[in-house]
Amino acid sequence: NFTLNIFNFLFDCSMDMVSQFLKKYADRSRPLLLALSGGPDSLYLYYRLKENRVNFSVAHVNHRWREESDSEAEALKQLVESDHIPFYHSVIEPALRSENDARDFRRQFFFKLCQTHGFQAVMTAHHYDDQVETVLKRAFEGAALENLSGMRPVHQAGELTVWRPLLGVKKSEILQWLQTRDLEAFMDYTNDDTRYTRARLRKMIPELSHQFQKEIAPSFYHIGEEAAQLKEYFEEKISPLLDHGIHAPWGVFYDFSKMKIHPVEIKYLLRQCAKLSRSQLQVASDLMLKRAANKRVGNVIIDRNRLFILRFPIPTDWSVIEEPIDQFEPPTNWQDVWKGKMSVTLKKGTYQLLPMNQKAAQPFKKRWNALKVPAFLYYVAPVLIQNDEIAYEFLSGRQQVVDSPCIKLTLIPKD
């Protein structure tokens, strides 16, 4: 009786998790889609949704990885339709045999159904044990701290909304619940095939618990939860800063020069906006802390806590477009050069466009340094020559007002 009471308590808790999840996220006026494989986890969720009187449909993907796959798909169809619940079925392409290919196929199938029938989300039966495996896998892969968060209850996979209401429910509770109700699920032996990473992790966790003489699953589960909180903190505090980047056809520029940022925050920023190896990430972080000038790491240029992320090479070959203009327009500066937009208003005359070189740049370097012009731009912008003298350089943005008649010269990159 004591054991039965304990189980009933756990059952009530897991039932409450599902109902609380639905209460928090579900719009009862809109239907849901359940991804039903027929295994214990998704079958458990199927009956939970029925108990909660949820308006939902079922989607099943037949992978045909086992001889029983076709007969199981037919049995699921009969079960679901006997409950007067819509059933959608798809057979995976024979060539899609990898885990990643199969996952992409399922997502596309679910997305099309959601678009066609207006489902607010697809529900999957990932549970507590799956979450532990995910956190452990990411730890082995060397994920950043905030990326140890594992799966989230609500996830946006592109345009597909995915809900996971069972992340707090243990596999043992699911199996016990089904057993006490004589509900038989399909058992997929490929889940135990150690050719797959998940199967190896599933086998490893009890072995590690035995070695440490304590259950390690709760520890990894809580690491995942705390990592999720850390990620939410970063997203709330740091990610908005990335919305203020100055974009160019060849990259994006972020100015953090007036901010005091912790090293952990710096690494998070770099992970979000640049593709750097772990060693490069450490070097870049150190340079940011030192407020180093004109240092390059991978595709990132660091200049006094300003980050220039280069996606493509910056052009150095420019064309000039001349047009008459009635009134003076302020000239562009180095930030406009970064964006590939350079123009100046000059007196009518003949001007020649020449690349900037060391000798020509020398008289301007003191001015550029005072204006904090990034050194890597010194030789990007050309100069305008008139009568063998420099008539204008584009980086400083300094120019006297020109009276009419005048012309506007605009520089554009050559194709």
Protein backbone atom coordinates (compact mmCIF):
# COMPACT_ATOMS: atom_id res chain seq x y z
CA ASN A 1 0.00 0.00 0.00
CA PHE A 2 2.87 2.32 0.83
CA THR A 3 4.48 1.70 -2.58
CA LEU A 4 1.15 2.26 -4.33
CA ASN A 5 0.62 5.52 -2.45
CA ILE A 6 4.08 6.74 -3.44
CA PHE A 7 3.40 5.89 -7.08
CA ASN A 8 0.02 7.64 -7.00
CA PHE A 9 1.76 10.72 -5.60
CA LEU A 10 4.33 10.67 -8.42
CA PHE A 11 1.53 10.09 -10.92
CA ASP A 12 -0.35 13.14 -9.64
CA CYS A 13 2.85 15.21 -9.90
CA SER A 14 3.53 14.18 -13.51
CA MET A 15 -0.13 14.69 -14.39
CA ASP A 16 0.09 18.15 -12.84
CA MET A 17 3.18 18.93 -14.96
CA VAL A 18 1.25 18.31 -18.15
CA SER A 19 -1.85 20.22 -17.06
CA GLN A 20 0.24 23.12 -15.73
CA PHE A 21 2.18 23.27 -18.97
CA LEU A 22 -1.04 23.41 -20.98
CA LYS A 23 -2.48 26.03 -18.65
CA LYS A 24 0.63 28.17 -19.09
CA TYR A 25 1.17 27.89 -22.85
CA ALA A 26 -1.86 26.48 -24.65
CA ASP A 27 -4.56 28.51 -26.36
CA ARG A 28 -7.58 26.23 -25.91
CA SER A 29 -9.23 27.74 -28.98
CA ARG A 30 -6.48 26.41 -31.24
CA PRO A 31 -5.58 22.75 -31.90
CA LEU A 32 -2.27 21.07 -31.14
CA LEU A 33 -0.28 18.44 -33.00
CA LEU A 34 1.22 15.43 -31.19
CA ALA A 35 4.25 13.67 -32.64
CA LEU A 36 3.37 10.03 -31.89
CA SER A 37 5.95 7.31 -32.52
CA GLY A 38 4.06 4.68 -30.55
CA GLY A 39 6.87 4.28 -28.02
CA PRO A 40 6.20 4.56 -24.28
CA ASP A 41 6.92 8.28 -24.04
CA SER A 42 4.68 9.56 -26.83
CA LEU A 43 1.94 7.05 -25.96
CA TYR A 44 1.99 8.34 -22.37
CA LEU A 45 1.62 11.92 -23.64
CA TYR A 46 -1.19 10.82 -25.96
CA TYR A 47 -3.28 9.61 -23.02
CA ARG A 48 -2.34 12.64 -20.93
CA LEU A 49 -3.66 14.97 -23.62
CA LYS A 50 -6.87 12.95 -23.83
CA GLU A 51 -7.32 13.21 -20.05
CA ASN A 52 -6.88 16.98 -20.29
CA ARG A 53 -9.54 17.12 -23.02
CA VAL A 54 -7.12 18.80 -25.39
CA ASN A 55 -8.11 19.41 -29.00
CA PHE A 56 -5.23 17.72 -30.80
CA SER A 57 -4.29 15.71 -33.88
CA VAL A 58 -1.62 13.05 -34.29
CA ALA A 59 1.31 12.91 -36.70
CA HIS A 60 3.30 9.72 -37.19
CA VAL A 61 6.47 9.31 -39.25
CA ASN A 62 7.24 5.77 -40.37
CA HIS A 63 11.04 5.46 -40.62
CA ARG A 64 10.90 1.86 -41.86
CA TRP A 65 14.03 1.11 -39.91
CA ARG A 66 12.46 -2.13 -38.61
CA GLU A 67 10.36 -4.91 -40.11
CA GLU A 68 7.53 -4.04 -37.73
CA SER A 69 7.36 -0.37 -38.77
CA ASP A 70 4.48 -0.72 -41.24
CA SER A 71 2.31 -2.84 -38.97
CA GLU A 72 2.96 -0.48 -36.03
CA ALA A 73 1.95 2.52 -38.14
CA GLU A 74 -1.32 0.77 -39.04
CA ALA A 75 -1.97 -0.11 -35.39
CA LEU A 76 -1.44 3.51 -34.34
CA LYS A 77 -3.79 4.68 -37.06
CA GLN A 78 -6.51 2.35 -35.80
CA LEU A 79 -5.96 3.42 -32.17
CA VAL A 80 -6.08 7.14 -32.91
CA GLU A 81 -9.01 7.03 -35.31
CA SER A 82 -10.99 4.85 -32.88
CA ASP A 83 -10.70 7.80 -30.49
CA HIS A 84 -12.00 10.08 -33.27
CA ILE A 85 -8.72 11.98 -33.41
CA PRO A 86 -7.28 13.06 -36.82
CA PHE A 87 -4.26 10.98 -37.84
CA TYR A 88 -1.56 12.11 -40.30
CA HIS A 89 1.04 9.69 -41.55
CA SER A 90 4.22 10.01 -43.62
CA VAL A 91 6.86 7.51 -44.70
CA ILE A 92 10.44 8.69 -44.58
CA GLU A 93 12.55 8.63 -47.72
CA PRO A 94 14.70 5.45 -47.94
CA ALA A 95 17.88 7.46 -48.45
CA LEU A 96 17.40 9.43 -45.22
CA ARG A 97 19.06 7.03 -42.84
CA SER A 98 21.11 9.34 -40.63
CA GLU A 99 19.75 10.78 -37.38
CA ASN A 100 20.07 14.34 -38.70
CA ASP A 101 18.33 13.58 -42.00
CA ALA A 102 15.47 11.86 -40.20
CA ARG A 103 15.07 14.78 -37.79
CA ASP A 104 14.97 17.28 -40.66
CA PHE A 105 12.35 15.16 -42.46
CA ARG A 106 10.14 15.05 -39.35
CA ARG A 107 10.39 18.79 -38.80
CA GLN A 108 9.42 19.56 -42.38
CA PHE A 109 6.45 17.17 -42.13
CA PHE A 110 5.28 18.71 -38.85
CA PHE A 111 5.75 22.25 -40.17
CA LYS A 112 3.63 21.60 -43.25
CA LEU A 113 0.87 20.15 -41.06
CA CYS A 114 0.99 23.16 -38.72
CA GLN A 115 0.78 25.54 -41.67
CA THR A 116 -2.07 23.66 -43.32
CA HIS A 117 -4.23 23.04 -40.25
CA GLY A 118 -3.31 25.96 -37.99
CA PHE A 119 -1.78 23.93 -35.14
CA GLN A 120 -0.27 26.25 -32.57
CA ALA A 121 2.61 23.85 -31.86
CA VAL A 122 3.85 20.30 -32.26
CA MET A 123 4.23 18.45 -28.95
CA THR A 124 7.02 15.94 -28.45
CA ALA A 125 7.49 13.50 -25.57
CA HIS A 126 11.09 14.31 -24.60
CA HIS A 127 11.40 13.65 -20.89
CA TYR A 128 13.70 13.99 -17.89
CA ASP A 129 16.09 11.23 -18.98
CA ASP A 130 16.36 12.71 -22.47
CA GLN A 131 17.26 16.04 -20.91
CA VAL A 132 20.02 14.47 -18.83
CA GLU A 133 21.45 12.78 -21.93
CA THR A 134 21.39 16.10 -23.83
CA VAL A 135 23.26 17.97 -21.09
CA LEU A 136 25.84 15.16 -20.77
CA LYS A 137 26.34 15.06 -24.55
CA ARG A 138 26.90 18.82 -24.71
CA ALA A 139 29.35 18.65 -21.81
CA PHE A 140 31.36 15.99 -23.66
CA GLU A 141 31.29 18.18 -26.77
CA GLY A 142 32.77 21.09 -24.82
CA ALA A 143 29.76 23.40 -25.08
CA ALA A 144 29.88 26.85 -23.51
CA LEU A 145 28.29 27.11 -20.06
CA GLU A 146 25.10 28.75 -21.31
CA ASN A 147 24.75 26.05 -23.98
CA LEU A 148 24.61 23.26 -21.39
CA SER A 149 20.97 24.21 -20.94
CA GLY A 150 19.69 21.19 -22.85
CA MET A 151 16.22 21.24 -24.39
CA ARG A 152 13.76 23.97 -23.51
CA PRO A 153 10.05 23.39 -22.81
CA VAL A 154 9.17 25.82 -25.60
CA HIS A 155 11.47 25.95 -28.60
CA GLN A 156 11.33 27.69 -31.96
CA ALA A 157 12.92 25.49 -34.66
CA GLY A 158 12.86 27.95 -37.53
CA GLU A 159 9.16 28.59 -38.12
CA LEU A 160 8.09 25.45 -36.25
CA THR A 161 7.00 25.84 -32.62
CA VAL A 162 7.93 22.80 -30.51
CA TRP A 163 6.50 22.08 -27.05
CA ARG A 164 8.01 19.58 -24.61
CA PRO A 165 5.73 19.24 -21.57
CA LEU A 166 7.40 16.09 -20.15
CA LEU A 167 10.93 17.37 -19.45
CA GLY A 168 10.32 17.04 -15.72
CA VAL A 169 8.87 13.49 -15.95
CA LYS A 170 11.21 10.51 -15.51
CA LYS A 171 11.19 7.53 -17.83
CA SER A 172 10.56 5.17 -14.91
CA GLU A 173 7.38 7.07 -14.04
CA ILE A 174 6.17 6.81 -17.63
CA LEU A 175 6.77 3.06 -17.80
CA GLN A 176 5.14 2.48 -14.42
CA TRP A 177 2.08 4.49 -15.39
CA LEU A 178 1.62 2.51 -18.62
CA GLN A 179 2.18 -0.81 -16.85
CA THR A 180 -0.46 -0.19 -14.18
CA ARG A 181 -2.99 0.49 -16.94
CA ASP A 182 -1.99 -2.47 -19.10
CA LEU A 183 -1.11 -0.13 -21.95
CA GLU A 184 1.46 -1.67 -24.26
CA ALA A 185 3.77 0.57 -26.26
CA PHE A 186 5.99 -0.35 -29.18
CA MET A 187 9.60 -1.00 -28.21
CA ASP A 188 12.11 0.25 -30.76
CA TYR A 189 15.29 -1.81 -30.39
CA THR A 190 17.23 0.80 -32.40
CA ASN A 191 17.07 2.97 -29.26
CA ASP A 192 19.56 0.52 -27.74
CA ASP A 193 21.79 0.35 -30.83
CA THR A 194 25.17 1.68 -29.68
CA ARG A 195 26.00 2.79 -33.20
CA TYR A 196 23.95 5.84 -32.25
CA THR A 197 25.25 8.47 -29.83
CA ARG A 198 22.06 8.61 -27.76
CA ALA A 199 22.13 4.86 -27.15
CA ARG A 200 25.73 5.04 -25.94
CA LEU A 201 24.89 7.88 -23.58
CA ARG A 202 21.84 5.99 -22.30
CA LYS A 203 24.07 3.06 -21.40
CA MET A 204 26.79 5.26 -19.95
CA ILE A 205 24.69 7.11 -17.36
CA PRO A 206 23.91 4.09 -15.10
CA GLU A 207 27.53 2.95 -15.47
CA LEU A 208 28.77 6.35 -14.28
CA SER A 209 26.28 6.29 -11.41
CA HIS A 210 27.67 2.89 -10.39
CA GLN A 211 31.25 4.16 -10.56
CA PHE A 212 30.48 7.25 -8.47
CA GLN A 213 28.13 5.30 -6.18
CA LYS A 214 25.48 8.00 -6.56
CA GLU A 215 22.84 8.94 -9.10
CA ILE A 216 24.39 11.43 -11.51
CA ALA A 217 21.20 12.15 -13.46
CA PRO A 218 19.82 14.75 -11.00
CA SER A 219 23.13 16.62 -11.01
CA PHE A 220 23.18 16.93 -14.80
CA TYR A 221 19.51 17.84 -14.88
CA HIS A 222 20.11 20.73 -12.47
CA ILE A 223 23.20 21.83 -14.42
CA GLY A 224 20.94 22.09 -17.45
CA GLU A 225 18.38 24.16 -15.55
CA GLU A 226 21.00 26.58 -14.18
CA ALA A 227 22.62 26.86 -17.61
CA ALA A 228 19.22 27.80 -19.02
CA GLN A 229 18.93 30.58 -16.44
CA LEU A 230 22.41 31.81 -17.39
CA LYS A 231 21.45 31.82 -21.06
CA GLU A 232 18.26 33.77 -20.32
CA TYR A 233 20.35 36.32 -18.40
CA PHE A 234 22.74 36.73 -21.33
CA GLU A 235 19.91 36.99 -23.83
CA GLU A 236 18.20 39.64 -21.72
CA LYS A 237 21.30 41.72 -20.96
CA ILE A 238 23.74 41.14 -23.84
CA SER A 239 21.86 40.06 -26.96
CA PRO A 240 20.04 43.43 -27.36
CA LEU A 241 23.45 45.06 -27.83
CA LEU A 242 23.85 43.11 -31.05
CA ASP A 243 20.77 44.80 -32.49
CA HIS A 244 22.76 48.04 -32.79
CA GLY A 245 25.39 46.82 -35.22
CA ILE A 246 26.41 48.93 -38.21
CA HIS A 247 26.02 46.66 -41.21
CA ALA A 248 28.05 46.74 -44.40
CA PRO A 249 27.98 44.52 -47.49
CA TRP A 250 31.10 42.79 -46.15
CA GLY A 251 30.37 42.56 -42.43
CA VAL A 252 29.03 44.19 -39.29
CA PHE A 253 30.56 46.55 -36.73
CA TYR A 254 29.73 46.68 -33.00
CA ASP A 255 30.88 49.48 -30.73
CA PHE A 256 31.40 48.46 -27.10
CA SER A 257 34.03 51.11 -26.43
CA LYS A 258 31.90 52.98 -23.88
CA MET A 259 30.86 49.90 -21.96
CA LYS A 260 32.43 47.96 -19.12
CA ILE A 261 31.96 44.29 -19.93
CA HIS A 262 32.89 41.24 -17.85
CA PRO A 263 35.13 38.61 -19.54
CA VAL A 264 32.29 36.06 -19.46
CA GLU A 265 30.03 38.55 -21.23
CA ILE A 266 32.73 39.28 -23.80
CA LYS A 267 32.99 35.60 -24.69
CA TYR A 268 29.23 35.34 -25.01
CA LEU A 269 29.20 38.35 -27.34
CA LEU A 270 31.95 36.88 -29.49
CA ARG A 271 30.18 33.51 -29.68
CA GLN A 272 27.03 35.23 -30.90
CA CYS A 273 28.56 37.38 -33.61
CA ALA A 274 31.75 35.59 -34.77
CA LYS A 275 32.83 32.12 -35.78
CA LEU A 276 35.95 31.52 -33.73
CA SER A 277 37.62 28.40 -32.37
CA ARG A 278 37.92 28.05 -28.61
CA SER A 279 41.58 29.17 -28.66
CA GLN A 280 40.73 32.13 -30.92
CA LEU A 281 37.86 33.04 -28.62
CA GLN A 282 40.24 33.23 -25.66
CA VAL A 283 42.73 35.38 -27.59
CA ALA A 284 39.98 37.73 -28.78
CA SER A 285 38.55 38.00 -25.26
CA ASP A 286 41.98 38.91 -23.84
CA LEU A 287 42.45 41.56 -26.53
CA MET A 288 39.06 43.06 -25.71
CA LEU A 289 39.98 43.25 -22.02
CA LYS A 290 43.24 45.02 -22.89
CA ARG A 291 41.37 47.39 -25.21
CA ALA A 292 43.92 46.47 -27.87
CA ALA A 293 44.01 48.41 -31.13
CA ASN A 294 43.95 47.00 -34.66
CA LYS A 295 44.31 43.30 -33.81
CA ARG A 296 42.89 40.56 -36.01
CA VAL A 297 41.72 37.13 -34.84
CA GLY A 298 40.19 34.95 -37.54
CA ASN A 299 37.58 37.07 -39.30
CA VAL A 300 37.34 39.53 -36.39
CA ILE A 301 39.18 42.84 -36.10
CA ILE A 302 39.39 44.23 -32.56
CA ASP A 303 40.02 47.93 -32.20
CA ARG A 304 39.68 49.56 -28.77
CA ASN A 305 36.63 47.47 -27.81
CA ARG A 306 35.08 47.81 -31.23
CA LEU A 307 34.40 44.61 -33.12
CA PHE A 308 34.46 44.40 -36.89
CA ILE A 309 33.17 41.05 -38.13
CA LEU A 310 34.28 40.46 -41.71
CA ARG A 311 32.10 38.18 -43.83
CA PHE A 312 33.77 39.13 -47.12
CA PRO A 313 36.93 41.05 -48.13
CA ILE A 314 36.53 44.84 -48.14
CA PRO A 315 36.90 46.20 -51.67
CA THR A 316 39.79 48.53 -52.48
CA ASP A 317 38.82 49.26 -56.08
CA TRP A 318 36.25 52.05 -56.45
CA SER A 319 34.40 53.93 -59.15
CA VAL A 320 33.35 57.58 -58.93
CA ILE A 321 29.98 59.01 -59.95
CA GLU A 322 29.83 62.76 -60.59
CA GLU A 323 26.63 64.82 -60.44
CA PRO A 324 25.94 68.57 -60.27
CA ILE A 325 24.47 69.81 -57.01
CA ASP A 326 22.96 73.15 -55.95
CA GLN A 327 23.94 73.17 -52.31
CA PHE A 328 26.65 71.84 -50.06
CA GLU A 329 26.15 68.45 -48.41
CA PRO A 330 28.14 67.34 -45.37
CA PRO A 331 30.82 64.79 -46.28
CA THR A 332 30.89 61.21 -45.13
CA ASN A 333 33.28 59.84 -42.48
CA TRP A 334 35.02 56.54 -41.63
CA GLN A 335 31.78 54.87 -40.51
CA ASP A 336 30.33 55.59 -43.94
CA VAL A 337 33.51 54.19 -45.49
CA TRP A 338 32.87 51.01 -43.50
CA LYS A 339 29.35 50.90 -44.95
CA GLY A 340 30.72 51.43 -48.45
CA LYS A 341 29.10 54.84 -48.80
CA MET A 342 31.49 57.68 -49.59
CA SER A 343 30.57 61.09 -51.00
CA VAL A 344 31.87 64.66 -50.94
CA THR A 345 30.82 68.05 -52.30
CA LEU A 346 33.62 69.90 -54.12
CA LYS A 347 34.05 72.87 -56.40
CA LYS A 348 33.63 72.12 -60.05
CA GLY A 349 36.82 70.82 -61.50
CA THR A 350 38.72 67.77 -62.63
CA TYR A 351 39.53 65.18 -59.98
CA GLN A 352 41.43 61.93 -60.11
CA LEU A 353 40.80 58.92 -57.90
CA LEU A 354 43.92 57.26 -56.52
CA PRO A 355 44.44 54.51 -53.91
CA MET A 356 45.72 55.66 -50.54
CA ASN A 357 49.34 54.68 -49.82
CA GLN A 358 51.79 54.99 -46.95
CA LYS A 359 53.25 58.29 -48.14
CA ALA A 360 49.88 59.89 -48.87
CA ALA A 361 48.44 58.74 -45.54
CA GLN A 362 51.25 60.11 -43.38
CA PRO A 363 49.94 63.71 -43.01
CA PHE A 364 46.52 62.42 -41.91
CA LYS A 365 47.46 59.73 -39.38
CA LYS A 366 47.55 62.07 -36.39
CA ARG A 367 44.08 63.34 -37.28
CA TRP A 368 42.75 59.84 -37.89
CA ASN A 369 44.15 58.61 -34.60
CA ALA A 370 42.47 61.48 -32.73
CA LEU A 371 39.19 60.58 -34.40
CA LYS A 372 39.76 56.87 -33.56
CA VAL A 373 39.58 55.81 -37.17
CA PRO A 374 40.27 52.05 -37.31
CA ALA A 375 43.76 51.51 -38.75
CA PHE A 376 42.61 48.72 -41.10
CA LEU A 377 40.52 51.31 -42.97
CA TYR A 378 43.49 53.61 -43.67
CA TYR A 379 44.12 52.07 -47.06
CA VAL A 380 40.56 51.11 -47.96
CA ALA A 381 39.29 54.53 -48.94
CA PRO A 382 41.01 56.18 -51.91
CA VAL A 383 41.85 59.89 -52.18
CA LEU A 384 40.78 62.56 -54.67
CA ILE A 385 43.66 64.30 -56.45
CA GLN A 386 43.53 67.70 -58.16
CA ASN A 387 46.59 69.33 -59.72
CA ASP A 388 48.83 66.63 -58.21
CA GLU A 389 47.65 67.44 -54.69
CA ILE A 390 45.24 65.64 -52.39
CA ALA A 391 41.93 67.46 -52.62
CA TYR A 392 40.05 65.22 -50.18
CA GLU A 393 40.34 62.11 -47.99
CA PHE A 394 37.18 60.34 -46.86
CA LEU A 395 37.98 59.02 -43.37
CA SER A 396 37.94 62.13 -41.20
CA GLY A 397 34.70 63.66 -42.50
CA ARG A 398 36.24 67.15 -42.32
CA GLN A 399 35.67 69.68 -45.08
CA GLN A 400 35.07 73.37 -45.52
CA VAL A 401 31.73 74.49 -46.90
CA VAL A 402 31.85 74.84 -50.68
CA ASP A 403 29.90 77.60 -52.48
CA SER A 404 27.96 76.94 -55.66
CA PRO A 405 28.53 75.93 -58.36
CA CYS A 406 29.69 72.56 -57.06
CA ILE A 407 29.61 68.86 -57.79
CA LYS A 408 28.94 65.81 -55.68
CA LEU A 409 31.32 62.88 -56.08
CA THR A 410 30.04 59.49 -54.86
CA LEU A 411 32.25 56.41 -54.64
CA ILE A 412 30.91 52.90 -55.17
CA PRO A 413 32.78 49.56 -55.19
CA LYS A 414 33.59 48.17 -58.61
CA ASP A 415 32.00 44.80 -59.40
